[in-house]
N, C-alpha and C. Protein backbone atom coordinates (compact mmCIF):
# COMPACT_ATOMS: atom_id res chain seq x y z
N MET A 1 -5.61 70.37 -139.98
CA MET A 1 -4.27 70.68 -139.50
C MET A 1 -3.27 70.28 -140.58
N ASP A 2 -2.39 71.21 -140.98
CA ASP A 2 -1.40 70.87 -141.99
C ASP A 2 -0.24 70.12 -141.34
N SER A 3 0.66 69.59 -142.18
CA SER A 3 1.73 68.73 -141.67
C SER A 3 2.70 69.50 -140.78
N SER A 4 2.98 70.77 -141.08
CA SER A 4 3.92 71.53 -140.24
C SER A 4 3.33 71.78 -138.86
N SER A 5 2.01 72.01 -138.78
CA SER A 5 1.37 72.20 -137.47
C SER A 5 1.41 70.91 -136.67
N ALA A 6 1.22 69.79 -137.34
CA ALA A 6 1.27 68.50 -136.65
C ALA A 6 2.65 68.25 -136.08
N VAL A 7 3.68 68.59 -136.86
CA VAL A 7 5.06 68.41 -136.39
C VAL A 7 5.33 69.30 -135.20
N GLU A 8 4.91 70.58 -135.28
CA GLU A 8 5.12 71.51 -134.18
C GLU A 8 4.41 71.01 -132.92
N GLU A 9 3.16 70.55 -133.08
CA GLU A 9 2.40 70.09 -131.93
C GLU A 9 3.07 68.87 -131.30
N ALA A 10 3.52 67.94 -132.12
CA ALA A 10 4.19 66.74 -131.60
C ALA A 10 5.48 67.11 -130.90
N THR A 11 6.19 68.08 -131.45
CA THR A 11 7.46 68.51 -130.85
C THR A 11 7.24 69.05 -129.45
N PHE A 12 6.20 69.82 -129.25
CA PHE A 12 5.96 70.42 -127.95
C PHE A 12 5.39 69.41 -126.95
N GLN A 13 4.75 68.35 -127.43
CA GLN A 13 4.12 67.41 -126.53
C GLN A 13 5.06 66.31 -126.06
N GLU A 14 6.09 65.99 -126.86
CA GLU A 14 7.00 64.92 -126.49
C GLU A 14 7.96 65.38 -125.41
N LYS A 15 8.23 64.46 -124.47
CA LYS A 15 9.24 64.74 -123.45
C LYS A 15 10.56 64.20 -123.95
N PRO A 16 11.65 64.89 -123.64
CA PRO A 16 12.94 64.37 -124.06
C PRO A 16 13.20 63.01 -123.41
N LYS A 17 13.83 62.11 -124.18
CA LYS A 17 14.11 60.78 -123.66
C LYS A 17 15.14 60.83 -122.54
N ASN A 18 16.12 61.71 -122.67
CA ASN A 18 17.14 61.86 -121.65
C ASN A 18 16.81 63.08 -120.80
N SER A 19 15.67 63.04 -120.15
CA SER A 19 15.20 64.16 -119.36
C SER A 19 16.13 64.41 -118.18
N VAL A 20 16.51 65.67 -117.99
CA VAL A 20 17.39 66.06 -116.90
C VAL A 20 16.62 67.07 -116.06
N ASP A 21 16.70 66.92 -114.73
CA ASP A 21 15.97 67.85 -113.89
C ASP A 21 16.64 69.22 -113.90
N LYS A 22 15.87 70.25 -113.55
CA LYS A 22 16.37 71.62 -113.59
C LYS A 22 17.52 71.84 -112.64
N THR A 23 17.53 71.14 -111.52
CA THR A 23 18.60 71.30 -110.54
C THR A 23 19.93 70.85 -111.14
N SER A 24 19.93 69.73 -111.86
CA SER A 24 21.16 69.24 -112.48
C SER A 24 21.68 70.23 -113.51
N VAL A 25 20.77 70.77 -114.32
CA VAL A 25 21.16 71.75 -115.33
C VAL A 25 21.74 72.98 -114.65
N LYS A 26 21.06 73.44 -113.59
CA LYS A 26 21.53 74.62 -112.87
C LYS A 26 22.92 74.39 -112.29
N ARG A 27 23.16 73.21 -111.73
CA ARG A 27 24.48 72.90 -111.17
C ARG A 27 25.53 72.91 -112.26
N TRP A 28 25.21 72.34 -113.42
CA TRP A 28 26.16 72.31 -114.52
C TRP A 28 26.46 73.74 -114.99
N LEU A 29 25.42 74.56 -115.12
CA LEU A 29 25.60 75.93 -115.60
C LEU A 29 26.40 76.79 -114.63
N THR A 30 26.14 76.60 -113.35
CA THR A 30 26.75 77.49 -112.36
C THR A 30 28.01 76.93 -111.75
N GLY A 31 28.30 75.66 -111.97
CA GLY A 31 29.47 75.04 -111.37
C GLY A 31 29.26 74.71 -109.90
N ALA A 32 28.00 74.74 -109.44
CA ALA A 32 27.70 74.43 -108.04
C ALA A 32 27.86 72.93 -107.80
N GLU A 33 28.26 72.58 -106.60
CA GLU A 33 28.39 71.17 -106.26
C GLU A 33 27.08 70.66 -105.68
N LYS A 34 26.93 69.34 -105.69
CA LYS A 34 25.67 68.73 -105.26
C LYS A 34 25.32 69.03 -103.82
N ASP A 35 26.33 69.12 -102.95
CA ASP A 35 26.00 69.31 -101.55
C ASP A 35 25.73 70.76 -101.18
N GLU A 36 25.91 71.66 -102.14
CA GLU A 36 25.60 73.07 -101.86
C GLU A 36 24.09 73.26 -101.89
N GLY A 37 23.61 74.23 -101.10
CA GLY A 37 22.19 74.54 -101.09
C GLY A 37 21.76 75.15 -102.42
N GLU A 38 20.48 75.12 -102.66
CA GLU A 38 19.96 75.72 -103.88
C GLU A 38 20.21 77.23 -103.86
N GLU A 39 20.71 77.74 -104.95
CA GLU A 39 20.95 79.18 -105.06
C GLU A 39 19.77 79.82 -105.76
N GLU A 40 19.59 81.09 -105.47
CA GLU A 40 18.52 81.81 -106.16
C GLU A 40 18.85 81.92 -107.64
N CYS A 41 17.82 81.86 -108.44
CA CYS A 41 17.97 82.00 -109.87
C CYS A 41 18.38 83.43 -110.20
N ASP A 42 19.30 83.58 -111.12
CA ASP A 42 19.71 84.91 -111.52
C ASP A 42 18.63 85.51 -112.39
N THR A 43 17.79 86.31 -111.78
CA THR A 43 16.61 86.86 -112.45
C THR A 43 16.98 87.66 -113.69
N GLU A 44 18.01 88.46 -113.60
CA GLU A 44 18.42 89.27 -114.75
C GLU A 44 18.77 88.39 -115.94
N ALA A 45 19.51 87.32 -115.67
CA ALA A 45 19.92 86.42 -116.75
C ALA A 45 18.71 85.80 -117.42
N TRP A 46 17.81 85.25 -116.63
CA TRP A 46 16.65 84.58 -117.20
C TRP A 46 15.74 85.56 -117.93
N GLU A 47 15.60 86.78 -117.41
CA GLU A 47 14.77 87.78 -118.09
C GLU A 47 15.38 88.16 -119.44
N THR A 48 16.70 88.32 -119.47
CA THR A 48 17.38 88.67 -120.71
C THR A 48 17.23 87.55 -121.74
N LEU A 49 17.44 86.31 -121.31
CA LEU A 49 17.31 85.18 -122.23
C LEU A 49 15.86 85.05 -122.72
N SER A 50 14.92 85.22 -121.81
CA SER A 50 13.51 85.12 -122.18
C SER A 50 13.13 86.20 -123.19
N LYS A 51 13.62 87.40 -122.95
CA LYS A 51 13.34 88.51 -123.86
C LYS A 51 13.88 88.20 -125.27
N SER A 52 15.07 87.64 -125.32
CA SER A 52 15.67 87.30 -126.62
C SER A 52 14.86 86.23 -127.34
N PHE A 53 14.44 85.19 -126.61
CA PHE A 53 13.64 84.14 -127.24
C PHE A 53 12.31 84.70 -127.75
N LYS A 54 11.70 85.59 -126.97
CA LYS A 54 10.43 86.18 -127.39
C LYS A 54 10.62 87.05 -128.63
N GLU A 55 11.72 87.80 -128.67
CA GLU A 55 12.00 88.64 -129.83
C GLU A 55 12.20 87.78 -131.08
N ALA A 56 12.98 86.72 -130.95
CA ALA A 56 13.21 85.83 -132.09
C ALA A 56 11.90 85.19 -132.54
N GLN A 57 11.09 84.74 -131.58
CA GLN A 57 9.83 84.09 -131.93
C GLN A 57 8.89 85.06 -132.64
N SER A 58 8.89 86.30 -132.22
CA SER A 58 8.05 87.31 -132.86
C SER A 58 8.43 87.48 -134.34
N VAL A 59 9.72 87.56 -134.61
CA VAL A 59 10.18 87.72 -135.99
C VAL A 59 9.87 86.45 -136.79
N LEU A 60 10.05 85.28 -136.18
CA LEU A 60 9.73 84.03 -136.88
C LEU A 60 8.24 83.93 -137.19
N ASP A 61 7.40 84.39 -136.27
CA ASP A 61 5.96 84.42 -136.52
C ASP A 61 5.61 85.35 -137.68
N GLN A 62 6.30 86.49 -137.71
CA GLN A 62 6.10 87.43 -138.81
C GLN A 62 6.50 86.78 -140.13
N ASN A 63 7.62 86.06 -140.13
CA ASN A 63 8.05 85.37 -141.35
C ASN A 63 7.05 84.32 -141.80
N ARG A 64 6.44 83.62 -140.84
CA ARG A 64 5.44 82.62 -141.20
C ARG A 64 4.31 83.27 -142.00
N LEU A 65 3.86 84.44 -141.54
CA LEU A 65 2.78 85.15 -142.24
C LEU A 65 3.25 85.63 -143.62
N LEU A 66 4.47 86.13 -143.69
CA LEU A 66 5.00 86.59 -144.97
C LEU A 66 5.13 85.43 -145.96
N ILE A 67 5.57 84.29 -145.48
CA ILE A 67 5.70 83.12 -146.36
C ILE A 67 4.33 82.66 -146.86
N GLN A 68 3.34 82.71 -145.99
CA GLN A 68 1.97 82.36 -146.42
C GLN A 68 1.52 83.31 -147.52
N GLN A 69 1.82 84.61 -147.36
CA GLN A 69 1.42 85.59 -148.37
C GLN A 69 2.16 85.33 -149.69
N VAL A 70 3.44 85.01 -149.61
CA VAL A 70 4.21 84.70 -150.82
C VAL A 70 3.60 83.49 -151.52
N ASN A 71 3.26 82.47 -150.76
CA ASN A 71 2.65 81.27 -151.37
C ASN A 71 1.32 81.59 -152.04
N GLU A 72 0.48 82.39 -151.37
CA GLU A 72 -0.80 82.78 -151.96
C GLU A 72 -0.59 83.58 -153.24
N ASN A 73 0.35 84.52 -153.19
CA ASN A 73 0.64 85.32 -154.39
C ASN A 73 1.14 84.44 -155.52
N HIS A 74 2.00 83.49 -155.21
CA HIS A 74 2.55 82.60 -156.23
C HIS A 74 1.45 81.74 -156.86
N GLN A 75 0.56 81.22 -156.00
CA GLN A 75 -0.52 80.37 -156.52
C GLN A 75 -1.52 81.15 -157.37
N SER A 76 -1.66 82.44 -157.08
CA SER A 76 -2.62 83.25 -157.85
C SER A 76 -2.15 83.49 -159.28
N LYS A 77 -0.85 83.46 -159.48
CA LYS A 77 -0.22 83.69 -160.80
C LYS A 77 -0.59 85.05 -161.41
N ILE A 78 -1.08 85.96 -160.58
CA ILE A 78 -1.40 87.31 -161.03
C ILE A 78 -0.07 88.08 -161.07
N PRO A 79 0.24 88.70 -162.21
CA PRO A 79 1.54 89.37 -162.35
C PRO A 79 1.85 90.38 -161.22
N ASP A 80 0.88 91.19 -160.82
CA ASP A 80 1.13 92.17 -159.75
C ASP A 80 1.49 91.48 -158.43
N ASN A 81 0.82 90.36 -158.15
CA ASN A 81 1.12 89.62 -156.92
C ASN A 81 2.52 89.01 -156.96
N LEU A 82 2.91 88.55 -158.15
CA LEU A 82 4.25 87.98 -158.29
C LEU A 82 5.32 89.05 -158.10
N VAL A 83 5.03 90.26 -158.55
CA VAL A 83 5.96 91.38 -158.35
C VAL A 83 6.05 91.72 -156.86
N LYS A 84 4.93 91.67 -156.16
CA LYS A 84 4.91 91.94 -154.72
C LYS A 84 5.78 90.93 -153.95
N ASN A 85 5.88 89.72 -154.49
CA ASN A 85 6.66 88.69 -153.81
C ASN A 85 8.14 89.07 -153.68
N VAL A 86 8.63 89.87 -154.60
CA VAL A 86 10.04 90.28 -154.52
C VAL A 86 10.29 91.02 -153.21
N ALA A 87 9.45 91.99 -152.91
CA ALA A 87 9.60 92.77 -151.67
C ALA A 87 9.35 91.89 -150.44
N LEU A 88 8.37 90.99 -150.54
CA LEU A 88 8.07 90.11 -149.41
C LEU A 88 9.26 89.19 -149.11
N ILE A 89 9.85 88.65 -150.16
CA ILE A 89 11.00 87.76 -149.97
C ILE A 89 12.19 88.53 -149.42
N GLN A 90 12.36 89.76 -149.85
CA GLN A 90 13.44 90.59 -149.29
C GLN A 90 13.20 90.84 -147.79
N GLU A 91 11.95 91.07 -147.42
CA GLU A 91 11.62 91.27 -146.01
C GLU A 91 11.89 89.99 -145.20
N ILE A 92 11.52 88.85 -145.77
CA ILE A 92 11.79 87.56 -145.10
C ILE A 92 13.29 87.40 -144.89
N ASN A 93 14.07 87.72 -145.91
CA ASN A 93 15.52 87.61 -145.81
C ASN A 93 16.07 88.52 -144.71
N GLY A 94 15.57 89.74 -144.64
CA GLY A 94 15.99 90.66 -143.58
C GLY A 94 15.63 90.14 -142.20
N ASN A 95 14.45 89.52 -142.10
CA ASN A 95 14.02 88.96 -140.83
C ASN A 95 14.90 87.79 -140.40
N ILE A 96 15.33 86.99 -141.37
CA ILE A 96 16.24 85.89 -141.05
C ILE A 96 17.54 86.43 -140.48
N SER A 97 18.02 87.53 -141.02
CA SER A 97 19.23 88.17 -140.49
C SER A 97 19.00 88.66 -139.06
N LYS A 98 17.80 89.22 -138.81
CA LYS A 98 17.47 89.68 -137.45
C LYS A 98 17.50 88.52 -136.46
N VAL A 99 16.87 87.41 -136.84
CA VAL A 99 16.81 86.25 -135.96
C VAL A 99 18.23 85.72 -135.69
N SER A 100 19.03 85.68 -136.73
CA SER A 100 20.41 85.23 -136.57
C SER A 100 21.16 86.12 -135.59
N SER A 101 20.96 87.42 -135.70
CA SER A 101 21.59 88.37 -134.79
C SER A 101 21.10 88.20 -133.35
N VAL A 102 19.79 88.01 -133.19
CA VAL A 102 19.22 87.81 -131.85
C VAL A 102 19.82 86.56 -131.22
N TYR A 103 19.89 85.45 -131.98
CA TYR A 103 20.45 84.22 -131.44
C TYR A 103 21.95 84.35 -131.14
N SER A 104 22.65 85.09 -131.97
CA SER A 104 24.07 85.32 -131.72
C SER A 104 24.26 86.10 -130.42
N ASN A 105 23.49 87.16 -130.23
CA ASN A 105 23.56 87.94 -128.99
C ASN A 105 23.14 87.10 -127.79
N LEU A 106 22.12 86.27 -127.98
CA LEU A 106 21.65 85.41 -126.90
C LEU A 106 22.77 84.46 -126.48
N SER A 107 23.48 83.92 -127.43
CA SER A 107 24.58 83.01 -127.14
C SER A 107 25.68 83.70 -126.33
N VAL A 108 26.03 84.90 -126.73
CA VAL A 108 27.05 85.67 -126.02
C VAL A 108 26.58 85.99 -124.61
N ASN A 109 25.34 86.44 -124.48
CA ASN A 109 24.79 86.77 -123.16
C ASN A 109 24.74 85.53 -122.26
N PHE A 110 24.32 84.41 -122.81
CA PHE A 110 24.22 83.19 -122.03
C PHE A 110 25.60 82.76 -121.53
N ALA A 111 26.58 82.78 -122.42
CA ALA A 111 27.94 82.41 -122.02
C ALA A 111 28.46 83.35 -120.94
N SER A 112 28.15 84.62 -121.06
CA SER A 112 28.58 85.60 -120.06
C SER A 112 27.93 85.34 -118.71
N PHE A 113 26.63 85.05 -118.72
CA PHE A 113 25.92 84.76 -117.46
C PHE A 113 26.49 83.52 -116.78
N VAL A 114 26.75 82.49 -117.57
CA VAL A 114 27.30 81.26 -117.00
C VAL A 114 28.68 81.52 -116.42
N HIS A 115 29.50 82.25 -117.15
CA HIS A 115 30.85 82.58 -116.66
C HIS A 115 30.78 83.38 -115.36
N GLN A 116 29.93 84.41 -115.34
CA GLN A 116 29.79 85.24 -114.13
C GLN A 116 29.34 84.41 -112.94
N ARG A 117 28.39 83.51 -113.16
CA ARG A 117 27.87 82.69 -112.07
C ARG A 117 28.95 81.74 -111.56
N ARG A 118 29.72 81.16 -112.48
CA ARG A 118 30.78 80.24 -112.05
C ARG A 118 31.87 80.97 -111.27
N VAL A 119 32.22 82.17 -111.71
CA VAL A 119 33.21 82.97 -110.97
C VAL A 119 32.68 83.29 -109.59
N LYS A 120 31.42 83.69 -109.51
CA LYS A 120 30.81 84.01 -108.21
C LYS A 120 30.83 82.80 -107.29
N ASN A 121 30.46 81.63 -107.81
CA ASN A 121 30.46 80.41 -107.00
C ASN A 121 31.87 80.06 -106.54
N LYS A 122 32.84 80.22 -107.41
CA LYS A 122 34.23 79.93 -107.05
C LYS A 122 34.68 80.89 -105.95
N ASN A 123 34.36 82.18 -106.09
CA ASN A 123 34.73 83.17 -105.07
C ASN A 123 34.02 82.89 -103.74
N ASP A 124 32.75 82.47 -103.82
CA ASP A 124 32.01 82.13 -102.60
C ASP A 124 32.68 80.96 -101.88
N LYS A 125 33.13 79.96 -102.64
CA LYS A 125 33.81 78.81 -102.05
C LYS A 125 35.11 79.24 -101.37
N LEU A 126 35.86 80.13 -102.03
CA LEU A 126 37.11 80.61 -101.46
C LEU A 126 36.85 81.40 -100.18
N ASP A 127 35.81 82.23 -100.19
CA ASP A 127 35.46 83.01 -99.01
C ASP A 127 35.10 82.10 -97.85
N ARG A 128 34.36 81.04 -98.11
CA ARG A 128 33.96 80.10 -97.05
C ARG A 128 35.17 79.34 -96.51
N SER A 129 36.12 78.99 -97.38
CA SER A 129 37.29 78.24 -96.93
C SER A 129 38.25 79.13 -96.12
N ASP A 130 38.23 80.45 -96.39
CA ASP A 130 39.07 81.39 -95.65
C ASP A 130 38.53 81.64 -94.26
N SER A 131 37.24 81.43 -94.10
CA SER A 131 36.59 81.73 -92.80
C SER A 131 36.91 80.70 -91.76
C-alpha cells in the first residue's frame, strides 16, 4: 500500500471528533426547530447533490489514472513517452477545470435547496399560525 492509499484509508475510517447527528444538520439546513416533527428528506436535492459528487469523483478517478501514466512515461525517459505526457497533462488540466465547475454548480444547487427549504418551513409556520 502506498502512502496516498494509507492516507485515504485512514481518512475514511476516522470519525470526526465533533460528530453531529444527521437530525441536527438537517435542522440547521432547513431552519426547522427542535420541537417540529421530522420532515421528509428532499429527494430531488439529495439526488442532485449525489449525482454531482459522483461526477466529480469519476473525473478525479480518471485523473488518478492519467497521473500514473504520466509518472510511468516520465520514469521511462523514452522520448516518445515524454512527448505523450504533454497531451496527458493537458487532459489532466481540463479535468481539473471540469471538477471545479462541478463543485461550483454543486455549491449553487446546495445553496438553492437550503434556501427553498427554509422558505417552505417559514411559510409552513405562518400557515399553522394563521389557522
